[in-house]
Protein backbone atom coordinates (compact mmCIF):
# COMPACT_ATOMS: atom_id res chain seq x y z
CA MET A 1 -0.55 -0.21 -0.02
CA PRO A 2 2.68 2.37 0.62
CA ILE A 3 3.16 2.68 -3.12
CA LEU A 4 0.35 4.39 -4.01
CA PRO A 5 0.33 7.80 -2.68
CA TYR A 6 3.77 7.40 -4.37
CA LEU A 7 2.65 6.46 -7.73
CA SER A 8 -0.02 9.27 -7.32
CA GLU A 9 2.64 12.75 -6.88
CA LYS A 10 4.68 11.82 -9.62
CA ALA A 11 1.20 10.89 -11.40
CA GLN A 12 0.98 14.72 -11.27
CA LEU A 13 2.08 16.99 -14.12
CA GLN A 14 5.57 19.27 -13.01
CA PRO A 15 5.82 22.53 -14.12
CA ASP A 16 8.27 21.14 -16.49
CA PHE A 17 6.40 18.34 -17.28
CA PHE A 18 6.56 18.63 -21.18
CA ASP A 19 10.41 20.55 -20.99
CA GLU A 20 11.09 16.62 -20.13
CA LEU A 21 10.06 14.93 -22.70
CA SER A 22 12.33 15.78 -24.75
CA SER A 23 16.02 15.60 -22.25
CA ALA A 24 18.12 13.05 -22.73
CA GLY A 25 16.20 11.14 -20.14
CA ALA A 26 13.12 10.65 -21.96
CA THR A 27 12.07 6.55 -23.36
CA LEU A 28 12.39 5.43 -26.43
CA THR A 29 8.40 5.57 -26.38
CA VAL A 30 7.51 8.65 -25.72
CA ALA A 31 10.66 10.08 -28.92
CA LEU A 32 8.53 7.76 -30.77
CA TYR A 33 4.98 10.16 -30.18
CA VAL A 34 6.68 13.19 -29.95
CA TYR A 35 8.93 12.64 -33.51
CA ALA A 36 6.02 11.07 -35.29
CA LYS A 37 3.09 13.17 -34.08
CA GLU A 38 4.08 16.30 -32.96
CA GLN A 39 6.34 17.01 -35.60
CA GLY A 40 6.01 14.82 -38.17
CA GLN A 41 10.27 13.07 -38.47
CA PHE A 42 8.31 9.50 -39.53
CA ASP A 43 11.84 8.78 -40.87
CA VAL A 44 13.23 9.04 -37.84
CA ALA A 45 9.66 7.68 -35.47
CA PHE A 46 11.06 4.85 -38.04
CA ALA A 47 14.33 4.36 -36.96
CA ILE A 48 13.06 4.77 -33.70
CA ALA A 49 9.76 1.96 -33.81
CA ALA A 50 13.30 0.24 -35.67
CA ILE A 51 15.43 0.63 -32.09
CA LEU A 52 12.24 -0.94 -29.80
CA MET A 53 11.95 -3.92 -31.56
CA LEU A 54 15.52 -5.00 -32.00
CA LEU A 55 15.67 -4.20 -28.16
CA THR A 56 12.35 -6.22 -27.48
CA LEU A 57 14.04 -9.60 -29.81
CA LEU A 58 17.28 -8.63 -27.83
CA ILE A 59 15.56 -8.99 -23.67
CA ASN A 60 13.04 -11.99 -25.48
CA GLY A 61 16.18 -13.39 -26.56
CA ALA A 62 18.35 -13.37 -23.46
CA ALA A 63 15.48 -14.47 -21.18
CA MET A 64 15.44 -17.59 -23.51
CA LEU A 65 17.86 -18.08 -22.59
CA VAL A 66 17.73 -17.76 -19.05
CA GLU A 67 14.80 -20.03 -18.96
CA ARG A 68 17.17 -23.08 -21.36
CA TYR A 69 19.75 -22.21 -19.00
CA PHE A 70 18.04 -23.29 -15.70
CA ARG A 71 15.85 -25.37 -17.53
CA ARG A 72 18.47 -27.65 -17.72
CA LYS A 73 20.61 -27.52 -14.68
CA ARG A 74 17.12 -28.86 -12.97
CA SER A 75 17.46 -31.48 -15.00
CA LEU A 76 20.87 -32.47 -13.50
């Protein structure tokens, strides 16, 4: 339960919220939205989408390798 008050505080828009969207701490999904919807730079948006898909495939592949490792270790 102590997480809920923390999340409700962070969910409120801060005065510099829109300035932070273009900062180095912005996520790739936020950057994808900004480039596609607000700036109309679809080539950059497609490049970000490709990067996100590659990252997803890499994480999925790593998870499968870890699963396979522990499954073999457990069967010994």
